Amino acid sequence: MYNNREMHTAVCAECKQECQVPFKPDGTRPVYCRECYAKKRPP
């Protein structure tokens, strides 16, 4: 899916697990793993 994008390691704000995201976290906004983001996203 993100084959040509650089992935960065982050810690999910919800479950505290390490995850890979396709952007560099800035430290001011929460980062969510794929599973937690799917739960928080409106339908």
PDB file of N, CA and C in Angstrom:
ATOM      1  N   MET A   1       0.819  -1.191   0.000  1.00  0.00           N
ATOM      2  CA  MET A   1       0.000   0.000   0.000  1.00  0.00           C
ATOM      3  C   MET A   1       0.869   1.263   0.000  1.00  0.00           C
ATOM      4  N   TYR A   2       1.870   1.308   0.887  1.00  0.00           N
ATOM      5  CA  TYR A   2       2.759   2.463   0.975  1.00  0.00           C
ATOM      6  C   TYR A   2       4.166   2.075   0.532  1.00  0.00           C
ATOM      7  N   ASN A   3       4.285   1.319  -0.541  1.00  0.00           N
ATOM      8  CA  ASN A   3       5.574   0.791  -0.973  1.00  0.00           C
ATOM      9  C   ASN A   3       6.609   1.874  -1.221  1.00  0.00           C
ATOM     10  N   ASN A   4       6.215   3.022  -1.729  1.00  0.00           N
ATOM     11  CA  ASN A   4       7.181   4.060  -2.052  1.00  0.00           C
ATOM     12  C   ASN A   4       7.280   5.144  -0.980  1.00  0.00           C
ATOM     13  N   ARG A   5       6.663   4.942   0.164  1.00  0.00           N
ATOM     14  CA  ARG A   5       6.707   5.938   1.234  1.00  0.00           C
ATOM     15  C   ARG A   5       7.609   5.454   2.357  1.00  0.00           C
ATOM     16  N   GLU A   6       8.336   6.382   2.940  1.00  0.00           N
ATOM     17  CA  GLU A   6       9.171   6.050   4.081  1.00  0.00           C
ATOM     18  C   GLU A   6       8.272   5.879   5.302  1.00  0.00           C
ATOM     19  N   MET A   7       8.460   4.781   6.021  1.00  0.00           N
ATOM     20  CA  MET A   7       7.649   4.512   7.199  1.00  0.00           C
ATOM     21  C   MET A   7       8.432   4.929   8.445  1.00  0.00           C
ATOM     22  N   HIS A   8       7.702   5.412   9.438  1.00  0.00           N
ATOM     23  CA  HIS A   8       8.306   5.867  10.689  1.00  0.00           C
ATOM     24  C   HIS A   8       7.681   5.101  11.848  1.00  0.00           C
ATOM     25  N   THR A   9       8.480   4.866  12.860  1.00  0.00           N
ATOM     26  CA  THR A   9       8.001   4.160  14.038  1.00  0.00           C
ATOM     27  C   THR A   9       7.358   5.157  14.993  1.00  0.00           C
ATOM     28  N   ALA A  10       6.215   4.763  15.538  1.00  0.00           N
ATOM     29  CA  ALA A  10       5.498   5.604  16.496  1.00  0.00           C
ATOM     30  C   ALA A  10       4.863   4.699  17.547  1.00  0.00           C
ATOM     31  N   VAL A  11       4.395   5.296  18.627  1.00  0.00           N
ATOM     32  CA  VAL A  11       3.692   4.557  19.672  1.00  0.00           C
ATOM     33  C   VAL A  11       2.242   5.016  19.655  1.00  0.00           C
ATOM     34  N   CYS A  12       1.328   4.069  19.565  1.00  0.00           N
ATOM     35  CA  CYS A  12      -0.100   4.376  19.507  1.00  0.00           C
ATOM     36  C   CYS A  12      -0.538   5.043  20.811  1.00  0.00           C
ATOM     37  N   ALA A  13      -1.267   6.134  20.690  1.00  0.00           N
ATOM     38  CA  ALA A  13      -1.747   6.876  21.861  1.00  0.00           C
ATOM     39  C   ALA A  13      -2.824   6.111  22.614  1.00  0.00           C
ATOM     40  N   GLU A  14      -3.476   5.165  21.960  1.00  0.00           N
ATOM     41  CA  GLU A  14      -4.571   4.417  22.577  1.00  0.00           C
ATOM     42  C   GLU A  14      -4.072   3.134  23.254  1.00  0.00           C
ATOM     43  N   CYS A  15      -3.436   2.241  22.485  1.00  0.00           N
ATOM     44  CA  CYS A  15      -3.046   0.926  23.021  1.00  0.00           C
ATOM     45  C   CYS A  15      -1.576   0.853  23.426  1.00  0.00           C
ATOM     46  N   LYS A  16      -0.812   1.901  23.152  1.00  0.00           N
ATOM     47  CA  LYS A  16       0.603   2.016  23.537  1.00  0.00           C
ATOM     48  C   LYS A  16       1.517   1.019  22.830  1.00  0.00           C
ATOM     49  N   GLN A  17       1.063   0.425  21.741  1.00  0.00           N
ATOM     50  CA  GLN A  17       1.916  -0.496  20.993  1.00  0.00           C
ATOM     51  C   GLN A  17       2.682   0.272  19.928  1.00  0.00           C
ATOM     52  N   GLU A  18       3.870  -0.238  19.608  1.00  0.00           N
ATOM     53  CA  GLU A  18       4.666   0.373  18.561  1.00  0.00           C
ATOM     54  C   GLU A  18       4.029   0.067  17.214  1.00  0.00           C
ATOM     55  N   CYS A  19       4.020   1.043  16.316  1.00  0.00           N
ATOM     56  CA  CYS A  19       3.433   0.840  14.992  1.00  0.00           C
ATOM     57  C   CYS A  19       4.231   1.626  13.962  1.00  0.00           C
ATOM     58  N   GLN A  20       3.989   1.331  12.702  1.00  0.00           N
ATOM     59  CA  GLN A  20       4.638   2.023  11.598  1.00  0.00           C
ATOM     60  C   GLN A  20       3.615   2.936  10.935  1.00  0.00           C
ATOM     61  N   VAL A  21       3.991   4.180  10.719  1.00  0.00           N
ATOM     62  CA  VAL A  21       3.095   5.137  10.075  1.00  0.00           C
ATOM     63  C   VAL A  21       3.811   5.784   8.889  1.00  0.00           C
ATOM     64  N   PRO A  22       3.052   6.184   7.858  1.00  0.00           N
ATOM     65  CA  PRO A  22       3.675   6.745   6.653  1.00  0.00           C
ATOM     66  C   PRO A  22       3.968   8.245   6.745  1.00  0.00           C
ATOM     67  N   PHE A  23       4.116   8.766   7.956  1.00  0.00           N
ATOM     68  CA  PHE A  23       4.453  10.176   8.152  1.00  0.00           C
ATOM     69  C   PHE A  23       5.322  10.282   9.391  1.00  0.00           C
ATOM     70  N   LYS A  24       6.058  11.368   9.518  1.00  0.00           N
ATOM     71  CA  LYS A  24       6.919  11.559  10.683  1.00  0.00           C
ATOM     72  C   LYS A  24       6.093  12.220  11.784  1.00  0.00           C
ATOM     73  N   PRO A  25       5.872  11.529  12.890  1.00  0.00           N
ATOM     74  CA  PRO A  25       5.090  12.112  13.987  1.00  0.00           C
ATOM     75  C   PRO A  25       5.767  13.381  14.511  1.00  0.00           C
ATOM     76  N   ASP A  26       4.972  14.418  14.774  1.00  0.00           N
ATOM     77  CA  ASP A  26       5.541  15.687  15.235  1.00  0.00           C
ATOM     78  C   ASP A  26       5.584  15.807  16.756  1.00  0.00           C
ATOM     79  N   GLY A  27       4.986  14.847  17.457  1.00  0.00           N
ATOM     80  CA  GLY A  27       5.037  14.859  18.911  1.00  0.00           C
ATOM     81  C   GLY A  27       3.970  15.707  19.574  1.00  0.00           C
ATOM     82  N   THR A  28       3.207  16.472  18.802  1.00  0.00           N
ATOM     83  CA  THR A  28       2.172  17.319  19.396  1.00  0.00           C
ATOM     84  C   THR A  28       0.781  16.728  19.233  1.00  0.00           C
ATOM     85  N   ARG A  29       0.611  15.868  18.248  1.00  0.00           N
ATOM     86  CA  ARG A  29      -0.699  15.251  18.008  1.00  0.00           C
ATOM     87  C   ARG A  29      -0.606  13.755  18.260  1.00  0.00           C
ATOM     88  N   PRO A  30      -1.689  13.128  18.720  1.00  0.00           N
ATOM     89  CA  PRO A  30      -1.657  11.687  18.969  1.00  0.00           C
ATOM     90  C   PRO A  30      -1.556  10.895  17.669  1.00  0.00           C
ATOM     91  N   VAL A  31      -0.884   9.762  17.753  1.00  0.00           N
ATOM     92  CA  VAL A  31      -0.754   8.843  16.624  1.00  0.00           C
ATOM     93  C   VAL A  31      -1.451   7.557  17.019  1.00  0.00           C
ATOM     94  N   TYR A  32      -2.215   6.980  16.108  1.00  0.00           N
ATOM     95  CA  TYR A  32      -2.941   5.747  16.380  1.00  0.00           C
ATOM     96  C   TYR A  32      -2.509   4.656  15.417  1.00  0.00           C
ATOM     97  N   CYS A  33      -2.455   3.418  15.905  1.00  0.00           N
ATOM     98  CA  CYS A  33      -2.183   2.281  15.036  1.00  0.00           C
ATOM     99  C   CYS A  33      -3.408   2.060  14.143  1.00  0.00           C
ATOM    100  N   ARG A  34      -3.271   1.199  13.179  1.00  0.00           N
ATOM    101  CA  ARG A  34      -4.353   0.954  12.216  1.00  0.00           C
ATOM    102  C   ARG A  34      -5.635   0.507  12.908  1.00  0.00           C
ATOM    103  N   GLU A  35      -5.523  -0.380  13.892  1.00  0.00           N
ATOM    104  CA  GLU A  35      -6.708  -0.910  14.571  1.00  0.00           C
ATOM    105  C   GLU A  35      -7.409   0.160  15.409  1.00  0.00           C
ATOM    106  N   CYS A  36      -6.640   0.920  16.178  1.00  0.00           N
ATOM    107  CA  CYS A  36      -7.240   1.962  17.022  1.00  0.00           C
ATOM    108  C   CYS A  36      -7.801   3.096  16.174  1.00  0.00           C
ATOM    109  N   TYR A  37      -7.133   3.433  15.086  1.00  0.00           N
ATOM    110  CA  TYR A  37      -7.641   4.483  14.204  1.00  0.00           C
ATOM    111  C   TYR A  37      -8.980   4.070  13.603  1.00  0.00           C
ATOM    112  N   ALA A  38      -9.095   2.813  13.223  1.00  0.00           N
ATOM    113  CA  ALA A  38     -10.351   2.317  12.644  1.00  0.00           C
ATOM    114  C   ALA A  38     -11.484   2.393  13.665  1.00  0.00           C
ATOM    115  N   LYS A  39     -11.183   2.156  14.947  1.00  0.00           N
ATOM    116  CA  LYS A  39     -12.204   2.226  15.998  1.00  0.00           C
ATOM    117  C   LYS A  39     -12.654   3.666  16.250  1.00  0.00           C
ATOM    118  N   LYS A  40     -11.722   4.622  16.149  1.00  0.00           N
ATOM    119  CA  LYS A  40     -12.032   6.015  16.449  1.00  0.00           C
ATOM    120  C   LYS A  40     -12.669   6.745  15.277  1.00  0.00           C
ATOM    121  N   ARG A  41     -12.456   6.266  14.077  1.00  0.00           N
ATOM    122  CA  ARG A  41     -12.963   6.929  12.873  1.00  0.00           C
ATOM    123  C   ARG A  41     -14.481   6.843  12.800  1.00  0.00           C
ATOM    124  N   PRO A  42     -15.141   7.922  12.447  1.00  0.00           N
ATOM    125  CA  PRO A  42     -16.609   7.845  12.314  1.00  0.00           C
ATOM    126  C   PRO A  42     -16.990   6.941  11.144  1.00  0.00           C
ATOM    127  N   PRO A  43     -18.141   6.283  11.226  1.00  0.00           N
ATOM    128  CA  PRO A  43     -18.537   5.335  10.167  1.00  0.00           C
ATOM    129  C   PRO A  43     -18.803   6.000   8.830  1.00  0.00           C
TER     130      PRO A  43
END
